[in-house]
Amino acid sequence: MICFKYNDFMIIEIESVYRDVFVHGREIKISELRKILNELILSVGEEDFTDAFCVRYDYEKLHCSSSVRADITIDLDTHLVTKAKY
């Protein structure tokens, strides 16, 4: 298992019909992520959400295996932000 929550960094899993992606960057509170989700869905839509999120908030996509554990899950189908459950 890989877990890299250190020095105020976090891993987010973004789930959608288009693709599931892991991204990492600075730690963001769940309440802030909910605002970001709503704003980006309105401005760029679900299909372009991940790319826009990474550019605007300086996150990077992780090219990884299933052994990565996210801190937070953003579900673009239901528009929910939750702590990841394992």
PDB file of N, CA and C in Angstrom:
ATOM      1  N   MET A   1       0.841  -1.177   0.000  1.00  0.00           N
ATOM      2  CA  MET A   1       0.000   0.000   0.000  1.00  0.00           C
ATOM      3  C   MET A   1       0.884   1.237   0.000  1.00  0.00           C
ATOM      4  N   ILE A   2       0.525   2.203  -0.826  1.00  0.00           N
ATOM      5  CA  ILE A   2       1.230   3.475  -0.874  1.00  0.00           C
ATOM      6  C   ILE A   2       0.320   4.523  -0.252  1.00  0.00           C
ATOM      7  N   CYS A   3       0.857   5.289   0.638  1.00  0.00           N
ATOM      8  CA  CYS A   3       0.090   6.374   1.247  1.00  0.00           C
ATOM      9  C   CYS A   3       1.038   7.535   1.431  1.00  0.00           C
ATOM     10  N   PHE A   4       0.750   8.685   0.744  1.00  0.00           N
ATOM     11  CA  PHE A   4       1.666   9.734   0.937  1.00  0.00           C
ATOM     12  C   PHE A   4       1.122  10.988   1.538  1.00  0.00           C
ATOM     13  N   LYS A   5       0.362  10.835   2.579  1.00  0.00           N
ATOM     14  CA  LYS A   5      -0.142  11.985   3.323  1.00  0.00           C
ATOM     15  C   LYS A   5       0.962  12.454   4.261  1.00  0.00           C
ATOM     16  N   TYR A   6       1.649  13.470   3.856  1.00  0.00           N
ATOM     17  CA  TYR A   6       2.709  14.052   4.670  1.00  0.00           C
ATOM     18  C   TYR A   6       2.890  15.497   4.246  1.00  0.00           C
ATOM     19  N   ASN A   7       3.416  16.289   5.136  1.00  0.00           N
ATOM     20  CA  ASN A   7       3.721  17.685   4.824  1.00  0.00           C
ATOM     21  C   ASN A   7       2.563  18.410   4.139  1.00  0.00           C
ATOM     22  N   ASP A   8       1.364  18.226   4.644  1.00  0.00           N
ATOM     23  CA  ASP A   8       0.185  18.929   4.128  1.00  0.00           C
ATOM     24  C   ASP A   8      -0.168  18.568   2.680  1.00  0.00           C
ATOM     25  N   PHE A   9       0.179  17.371   2.236  1.00  0.00           N
ATOM     26  CA  PHE A   9      -0.236  16.896   0.920  1.00  0.00           C
ATOM     27  C   PHE A   9      -1.284  15.823   1.103  1.00  0.00           C
ATOM     28  N   MET A  10      -2.127  15.667   0.089  1.00  0.00           N
ATOM     29  CA  MET A  10      -3.175  14.656   0.157  1.00  0.00           C
ATOM     30  C   MET A  10      -3.387  14.043  -1.207  1.00  0.00           C
ATOM     31  N   ILE A  11      -4.006  12.866  -1.201  1.00  0.00           N
ATOM     32  CA  ILE A  11      -4.386  12.181  -2.428  1.00  0.00           C
ATOM     33  C   ILE A  11      -5.906  12.189  -2.519  1.00  0.00           C
ATOM     34  N   ILE A  12      -6.412  12.566  -3.683  1.00  0.00           N
ATOM     35  CA  ILE A  12      -7.849  12.604  -3.935  1.00  0.00           C
ATOM     36  C   ILE A  12      -8.154  11.646  -5.083  1.00  0.00           C
ATOM     37  N   GLU A  13      -9.181  10.820  -4.896  1.00  0.00           N
ATOM     38  CA  GLU A  13      -9.672   9.989  -5.989  1.00  0.00           C
ATOM     39  C   GLU A  13     -10.878  10.693  -6.589  1.00  0.00           C
ATOM     40  N   ILE A  14     -10.824  10.931  -7.887  1.00  0.00           N
ATOM     41  CA  ILE A  14     -11.939  11.556  -8.593  1.00  0.00           C
ATOM     42  C   ILE A  14     -12.609  10.469  -9.420  1.00  0.00           C
ATOM     43  N   GLU A  15     -13.843  10.129  -9.038  1.00  0.00           N
ATOM     44  CA  GLU A  15     -14.599   9.074  -9.713  1.00  0.00           C
ATOM     45  C   GLU A  15     -15.610   9.692 -10.657  1.00  0.00           C
ATOM     46  N   SER A  16     -15.698   9.135 -11.863  1.00  0.00           N
ATOM     47  CA  SER A  16     -16.704   9.617 -12.815  1.00  0.00           C
ATOM     48  C   SER A  16     -16.970   8.551 -13.862  1.00  0.00           C
ATOM     49  N   VAL A  17     -17.993   8.788 -14.646  1.00  0.00           N
ATOM     50  CA  VAL A  17     -18.330   7.910 -15.752  1.00  0.00           C
ATOM     51  C   VAL A  17     -17.186   7.906 -16.771  1.00  0.00           C
ATOM     52  N   TYR A  18     -16.495   9.036 -16.915  1.00  0.00           N
ATOM     53  CA  TYR A  18     -15.449   9.179 -17.928  1.00  0.00           C
ATOM     54  C   TYR A  18     -14.185   8.413 -17.567  1.00  0.00           C
ATOM     55  N   ARG A  19     -13.774   8.497 -16.294  1.00  0.00           N
ATOM     56  CA  ARG A  19     -12.584   7.785 -15.820  1.00  0.00           C
ATOM     57  C   ARG A  19     -12.417   8.037 -14.325  1.00  0.00           C
ATOM     58  N   ASP A  20     -11.738   7.137 -13.657  1.00  0.00           N
ATOM     59  CA  ASP A  20     -11.377   7.323 -12.252  1.00  0.00           C
ATOM     60  C   ASP A  20      -9.903   7.696 -12.211  1.00  0.00           C
ATOM     61  N   VAL A  21      -9.591   8.778 -11.483  1.00  0.00           N
ATOM     62  CA  VAL A  21      -8.234   9.313 -11.473  1.00  0.00           C
ATOM     63  C   VAL A  21      -7.827   9.635 -10.043  1.00  0.00           C
ATOM     64  N   PHE A  22      -6.571   9.348  -9.719  1.00  0.00           N
ATOM     65  CA  PHE A  22      -5.987   9.788  -8.458  1.00  0.00           C
ATOM     66  C   PHE A  22      -5.151  11.025  -8.739  1.00  0.00           C
ATOM     67  N   VAL A  23      -5.294  12.047  -7.896  1.00  0.00           N
ATOM     68  CA  VAL A  23      -4.494  13.262  -8.007  1.00  0.00           C
ATOM     69  C   VAL A  23      -3.898  13.577  -6.640  1.00  0.00           C
ATOM     70  N   HIS A  24      -2.812  14.329  -6.625  1.00  0.00           N
ATOM     71  CA  HIS A  24      -2.229  14.721  -5.340  1.00  0.00           C
ATOM     72  C   HIS A  24      -1.784  16.173  -5.387  1.00  0.00           C
ATOM     73  N   GLY A  25      -1.823  16.796  -4.209  1.00  0.00           N
ATOM     74  CA  GLY A  25      -1.432  18.193  -4.077  1.00  0.00           C
ATOM     75  C   GLY A  25      -1.608  18.630  -2.643  1.00  0.00           C
ATOM     76  N   ARG A  26      -1.654  19.927  -2.436  1.00  0.00           N
ATOM     77  CA  ARG A  26      -1.761  20.468  -1.079  1.00  0.00           C
ATOM     78  C   ARG A  26      -3.075  20.050  -0.428  1.00  0.00           C
ATOM     79  N   GLU A  27      -3.069  19.982   0.877  1.00  0.00           N
ATOM     80  CA  GLU A  27      -4.262  19.576   1.613  1.00  0.00           C
ATOM     81  C   GLU A  27      -5.348  20.647   1.498  1.00  0.00           C
ATOM     82  N   ILE A  28      -6.569  20.221   1.216  1.00  0.00           N
ATOM     83  CA  ILE A  28      -7.732  21.106   1.117  1.00  0.00           C
ATOM     84  C   ILE A  28      -8.829  20.512   1.991  1.00  0.00           C
ATOM     85  N   LYS A  29      -9.475  21.347   2.774  1.00  0.00           N
ATOM     86  CA  LYS A  29     -10.564  20.882   3.644  1.00  0.00           C
ATOM     87  C   LYS A  29     -11.738  20.392   2.810  1.00  0.00           C
ATOM     88  N   ILE A  30     -12.491  19.439   3.363  1.00  0.00           N
ATOM     89  CA  ILE A  30     -13.654  18.887   2.659  1.00  0.00           C
ATOM     90  C   ILE A  30     -14.655  19.984   2.319  1.00  0.00           C
ATOM     91  N   SER A  31     -14.884  20.911   3.222  1.00  0.00           N
ATOM     92  CA  SER A  31     -15.841  21.994   2.947  1.00  0.00           C
ATOM     93  C   SER A  31     -15.391  22.838   1.759  1.00  0.00           C
ATOM     94  N   GLU A  32     -14.096  23.070   1.648  1.00  0.00           N
ATOM     95  CA  GLU A  32     -13.556  23.820   0.515  1.00  0.00           C
ATOM     96  C   GLU A  32     -13.680  23.003  -0.766  1.00  0.00           C
ATOM     97  N   LEU A  33     -13.426  21.698  -0.680  1.00  0.00           N
ATOM     98  CA  LEU A  33     -13.559  20.841  -1.862  1.00  0.00           C
ATOM     99  C   LEU A  33     -14.995  20.810  -2.374  1.00  0.00           C
ATOM    100  N   ARG A  34     -15.956  20.857  -1.475  1.00  0.00           N
ATOM    101  CA  ARG A  34     -17.367  20.892  -1.905  1.00  0.00           C
ATOM    102  C   ARG A  34     -17.663  22.164  -2.702  1.00  0.00           C
ATOM    103  N   LYS A  35     -17.126  23.291  -2.245  1.00  0.00           N
ATOM    104  CA  LYS A  35     -17.303  24.557  -2.985  1.00  0.00           C
ATOM    105  C   LYS A  35     -16.626  24.477  -4.352  1.00  0.00           C
ATOM    106  N   ILE A  36     -15.399  23.950  -4.361  1.00  0.00           N
ATOM    107  CA  ILE A  36     -14.649  23.806  -5.612  1.00  0.00           C
ATOM    108  C   ILE A  36     -15.413  22.907  -6.580  1.00  0.00           C
ATOM    109  N   LEU A  37     -15.933  21.789  -6.090  1.00  0.00           N
ATOM    110  CA  LEU A  37     -16.697  20.863  -6.928  1.00  0.00           C
ATOM    111  C   LEU A  37     -17.863  21.582  -7.595  1.00  0.00           C
ATOM    112  N   ASN A  38     -18.648  22.278  -6.807  1.00  0.00           N
ATOM    113  CA  ASN A  38     -19.819  22.979  -7.359  1.00  0.00           C
ATOM    114  C   ASN A  38     -19.420  24.044  -8.370  1.00  0.00           C
ATOM    115  N   GLU A  39     -18.388  24.817  -8.070  1.00  0.00           N
ATOM    116  CA  GLU A  39     -17.943  25.872  -8.985  1.00  0.00           C
ATOM    117  C   GLU A  39     -17.432  25.308 -10.304  1.00  0.00           C
ATOM    118  N   LEU A  40     -16.603  24.264 -10.228  1.00  0.00           N
ATOM    119  CA  LEU A  40     -16.036  23.706 -11.454  1.00  0.00           C
ATOM    120  C   LEU A  40     -17.066  22.957 -12.286  1.00  0.00           C
ATOM    121  N   ILE A  41     -17.996  22.276 -11.648  1.00  0.00           N
ATOM    122  CA  ILE A  41     -19.061  21.600 -12.409  1.00  0.00           C
ATOM    123  C   ILE A  41     -19.848  22.620 -13.218  1.00  0.00           C
ATOM    124  N   LEU A  42     -20.154  23.756 -12.590  1.00  0.00           N
ATOM    125  CA  LEU A  42     -20.897  24.803 -13.296  1.00  0.00           C
ATOM    126  C   LEU A  42     -20.080  25.432 -14.418  1.00  0.00           C
ATOM    127  N   SER A  43     -18.780  25.637 -14.195  1.00  0.00           N
ATOM    128  CA  SER A  43     -17.987  26.361 -15.190  1.00  0.00           C
ATOM    129  C   SER A  43     -17.407  25.480 -16.299  1.00  0.00           C
ATOM    130  N   VAL A  44     -16.999  24.243 -15.990  1.00  0.00           N
ATOM    131  CA  VAL A  44     -16.369  23.411 -17.025  1.00  0.00           C
ATOM    132  C   VAL A  44     -17.071  22.088 -17.275  1.00  0.00           C
ATOM    133  N   GLY A  45     -17.950  21.673 -16.378  1.00  0.00           N
ATOM    134  CA  GLY A  45     -18.659  20.407 -16.543  1.00  0.00           C
ATOM    135  C   GLY A  45     -17.889  19.228 -15.974  1.00  0.00           C
ATOM    136  N   GLU A  46     -18.528  18.077 -15.975  1.00  0.00           N
ATOM    137  CA  GLU A  46     -17.947  16.873 -15.382  1.00  0.00           C
ATOM    138  C   GLU A  46     -16.797  16.300 -16.205  1.00  0.00           C
ATOM    139  N   GLU A  47     -16.917  16.340 -17.519  1.00  0.00           N
ATOM    140  CA  GLU A  47     -15.901  15.724 -18.361  1.00  0.00           C
ATOM    141  C   GLU A  47     -14.539  16.409 -18.223  1.00  0.00           C
ATOM    142  N   ASP A  48     -14.526  17.717 -18.049  1.00  0.00           N
ATOM    143  CA  ASP A  48     -13.272  18.468 -17.952  1.00  0.00           C
ATOM    144  C   ASP A  48     -12.904  18.820 -16.515  1.00  0.00           C
ATOM    145  N   PHE A  49     -13.661  18.312 -15.549  1.00  0.00           N
ATOM    146  CA  PHE A  49     -13.443  18.658 -14.147  1.00  0.00           C
ATOM    147  C   PHE A  49     -12.017  18.356 -13.683  1.00  0.00           C
ATOM    148  N   THR A  50     -11.537  17.141 -13.920  1.00  0.00           N
ATOM    149  CA  THR A  50     -10.234  16.728 -13.397  1.00  0.00           C
ATOM    150  C   THR A  50      -9.113  17.607 -13.928  1.00  0.00           C
ATOM    151  N   ASP A  51      -9.101  17.853 -15.221  1.00  0.00           N
ATOM    152  CA  ASP A  51      -8.048  18.699 -15.793  1.00  0.00           C
ATOM    153  C   ASP A  51      -8.115  20.120 -15.238  1.00  0.00           C
ATOM    154  N   ALA A  52      -9.310  20.676 -15.152  1.00  0.00           N
ATOM    155  CA  ALA A  52      -9.466  22.034 -14.626  1.00  0.00           C
ATOM    156  C   ALA A  52      -9.056  22.098 -13.158  1.00  0.00           C
ATOM    157  N   PHE A  53      -9.437  21.087 -12.374  1.00  0.00           N
ATOM    158  CA  PHE A  53      -9.076  21.038 -10.961  1.00  0.00           C
ATOM    159  C   PHE A  53      -7.555  21.022 -10.807  1.00  0.00           C
ATOM    160  N   CYS A  54      -6.891  20.182 -11.574  1.00  0.00           N
ATOM    161  CA  CYS A  54      -5.434  20.071 -11.474  1.00  0.00           C
ATOM    162  C   CYS A  54      -4.735  21.385 -11.845  1.00  0.00           C
ATOM    163  N   VAL A  55      -5.197  22.035 -12.879  1.00  0.00           N
ATOM    164  CA  VAL A  55      -4.579  23.298 -13.311  1.00  0.00           C
ATOM    165  C   VAL A  55      -4.830  24.405 -12.290  1.00  0.00           C
ATOM    166  N   ARG A  56      -6.053  24.557 -11.866  1.00  0.00           N
ATOM    167  CA  ARG A  56      -6.392  25.668 -10.958  1.00  0.00           C
ATOM    168  C   ARG A  56      -5.822  25.513  -9.555  1.00  0.00           C
ATOM    169  N   TYR A  57      -5.690  24.281  -9.086  1.00  0.00           N
ATOM    170  CA  TYR A  57      -5.277  24.066  -7.691  1.00  0.00           C
ATOM    171  C   TYR A  57      -3.916  23.387  -7.582  1.00  0.00           C
ATOM    172  N   ASP A  58      -3.164  23.363  -8.683  1.00  0.00           N
ATOM    173  CA  ASP A  58      -1.798  22.862  -8.718  1.00  0.00           C
ATOM    174  C   ASP A  58      -1.696  21.416  -8.212  1.00  0.00           C
ATOM    175  N   TYR A  59      -2.595  20.574  -8.677  1.00  0.00           N
ATOM    176  CA  TYR A  59      -2.569  19.142  -8.380  1.00  0.00           C
ATOM    177  C   TYR A  59      -1.977  18.412  -9.570  1.00  0.00           C
ATOM    178  N   GLU A  60      -1.454  17.226  -9.316  1.00  0.00           N
ATOM    179  CA  GLU A  60      -0.908  16.395 -10.382  1.00  0.00           C
ATOM    180  C   GLU A  60      -1.608  15.042 -10.392  1.00  0.00           C
ATOM    181  N   LYS A  61      -1.822  14.516 -11.585  1.00  0.00           N
ATOM    182  CA  LYS A  61      -2.405  13.181 -11.713  1.00  0.00           C
ATOM    183  C   LYS A  61      -1.353  12.148 -11.332  1.00  0.00           C
ATOM    184  N   LEU A  62      -1.801  11.111 -10.649  1.00  0.00           N
ATOM    185  CA  LEU A  62      -0.923  10.005 -10.278  1.00  0.00           C
ATOM    186  C   LEU A  62      -1.141   8.859 -11.252  1.00  0.00           C
ATOM    187  N   HIS A  63      -0.075   8.338 -11.767  1.00  0.00           N
ATOM    188  CA  HIS A  63      -0.145   7.146 -12.613  1.00  0.00           C
ATOM    189  C   HIS A  63       0.226   5.999 -11.691  1.00  0.00           C
ATOM    190  N   CYS A  64      -0.779   5.311 -11.198  1.00  0.00           N
ATOM    191  CA  CYS A  64      -0.521   4.366 -10.118  1.00  0.00           C
ATOM    192  C   CYS A  64      -1.402   3.132 -10.229  1.00  0.00           C
ATOM    193  N   SER A  65      -1.120   2.228  -9.344  1.00  0.00           N
ATOM    194  CA  SER A  65      -1.869   0.979  -9.308  1.00  0.00           C
ATOM    195  C   SER A  65      -2.985   1.066  -8.276  1.00  0.00           C
ATOM    196  N   SER A  66      -3.659  -0.030  -8.082  1.00  0.00           N
ATOM    197  CA  SER A  66      -4.764  -0.069  -7.128  1.00  0.00           C
ATOM    198  C   SER A  66      -4.294  -0.056  -5.676  1.00  0.00           C
ATOM    199  N   SER A  67      -2.994  -0.057  -5.455  1.00  0.00           N
ATOM    200  CA  SER A  67      -2.475  -0.049  -4.088  1.00  0.00           C
ATOM    201  C   SER A  67      -2.469   1.349  -3.470  1.00  0.00           C
ATOM    202  N   VAL A  68      -2.791   2.378  -4.240  1.00  0.00           N
ATOM    203  CA  VAL A  68      -2.821   3.739  -3.717  1.00  0.00           C
ATOM    204  C   VAL A  68      -4.104   3.947  -2.928  1.00  0.00           C
ATOM    205  N   ARG A  69      -3.996   4.604  -1.799  1.00  0.00           N
ATOM    206  CA  ARG A  69      -5.155   4.901  -0.945  1.00  0.00           C
ATOM    207  C   ARG A  69      -5.387   6.407  -0.916  1.00  0.00           C
ATOM    208  N   ALA A  70      -6.570   6.802  -1.268  1.00  0.00           N
ATOM    209  CA  ALA A  70      -6.916   8.226  -1.273  1.00  0.00           C
ATOM    210  C   ALA A  70      -7.344   8.680   0.114  1.00  0.00           C
ATOM    211  N   ASP A  71      -7.161   9.960   0.374  1.00  0.00           N
ATOM    212  CA  ASP A  71      -7.662  10.569   1.607  1.00  0.00           C
ATOM    213  C   ASP A  71      -9.126  10.989   1.435  1.00  0.00           C
ATOM    214  N   ILE A  72      -9.443  11.461   0.238  1.00  0.00           N
ATOM    215  CA  ILE A  72     -10.772  12.015  -0.082  1.00  0.00           C
ATOM    216  C   ILE A  72     -11.228  11.441  -1.419  1.00  0.00           C
ATOM    217  N   THR A  73     -12.531  11.233  -1.564  1.00  0.00           N
ATOM    218  CA  THR A  73     -13.119  10.831  -2.839  1.00  0.00           C
ATOM    219  C   THR A  73     -14.089  11.913  -3.307  1.00  0.00           C
ATOM    220  N   ILE A  74     -13.921  12.314  -4.555  1.00  0.00           N
ATOM    221  CA  ILE A  74     -14.868  13.224  -5.199  1.00  0.00           C
ATOM    222  C   ILE A  74     -15.610  12.401  -6.239  1.00  0.00           C
ATOM    223  N   ASP A  75     -16.921  12.278  -6.080  1.00  0.00           N
ATOM    224  CA  ASP A  75     -17.745  11.516  -7.011  1.00  0.00           C
ATOM    225  C   ASP A  75     -18.474  12.493  -7.920  1.00  0.00           C
ATOM    226  N   LEU A  76     -18.076  12.533  -9.167  1.00  0.00           N
ATOM    227  CA  LEU A  76     -18.676  13.487 -10.104  1.00  0.00           C
ATOM    228  C   LEU A  76     -20.069  13.071 -10.555  1.00  0.00           C
ATOM    229  N   ASP A  77     -20.409  11.796 -10.392  1.00  0.00           N
ATOM    230  CA  ASP A  77     -21.740  11.333 -10.777  1.00  0.00           C
ATOM    231  C   ASP A  77     -22.801  11.786  -9.776  1.00  0.00           C
ATOM    232  N   THR A  78     -22.450  11.776  -8.499  1.00  0.00           N
ATOM    233  CA  THR A  78     -23.405  12.148  -7.447  1.00  0.00           C
ATOM    234  C   THR A  78     -23.124  13.531  -6.869  1.00  0.00           C
ATOM    235  N   HIS A  79     -21.984  14.133  -7.277  1.00  0.00           N
ATOM    236  CA  HIS A  79     -21.550  15.442  -6.776  1.00  0.00           C
ATOM    237  C   HIS A  79     -21.310  15.429  -5.270  1.00  0.00           C
ATOM    238  N   LEU A  80     -20.717  14.334  -4.767  1.00  0.00           N
ATOM    239  CA  LEU A  80     -20.415  14.217  -3.345  1.00  0.00           C
ATOM    240  C   LEU A  80     -18.902  14.221  -3.117  1.00  0.00           C
ATOM    241  N   VAL A  81     -18.503  14.800  -1.980  1.00  0.00           N
ATOM    242  CA  VAL A  81     -17.125  14.774  -1.523  1.00  0.00           C
ATOM    243  C   VAL A  81     -17.130  14.085  -0.174  1.00  0.00           C
ATOM    244  N   THR A  82     -16.380  12.982  -0.051  1.00  0.00           N
ATOM    245  CA  THR A  82     -16.378  12.212   1.190  1.00  0.00           C
ATOM    246  C   THR A  82     -14.959  11.750   1.536  1.00  0.00           C
ATOM    247  N   LYS A  83     -14.769  11.429   2.826  1.00  0.00           N
ATOM    248  CA  LYS A  83     -13.522  10.788   3.211  1.00  0.00           C
ATOM    249  C   LYS A  83     -13.539   9.402   2.602  1.00  0.00           C
ATOM    250  N   ALA A  84     -12.397   8.991   2.077  1.00  0.00           N
ATOM    251  CA  ALA A  84     -12.313   7.671   1.456  1.00  0.00           C
ATOM    252  C   ALA A  84     -12.489   6.585   2.505  1.00  0.00           C
ATOM    253  N   LYS A  85     -13.188   5.517   2.134  1.00  0.00           N
ATOM    254  CA  LYS A  85     -13.433   4.396   3.046  1.00  0.00           C
ATOM    255  C   LYS A  85     -12.710   3.167   2.529  1.00  0.00           C
ATOM    256  N   TYR A  86     -11.979   2.536   3.425  1.00  0.00           N
ATOM    257  CA  TYR A  86     -11.242   1.306   3.073  1.00  0.00           C
ATOM    258  C   TYR A  86     -11.508   0.245   4.087  1.00  0.00           C
TER     259      TYR A  86
END
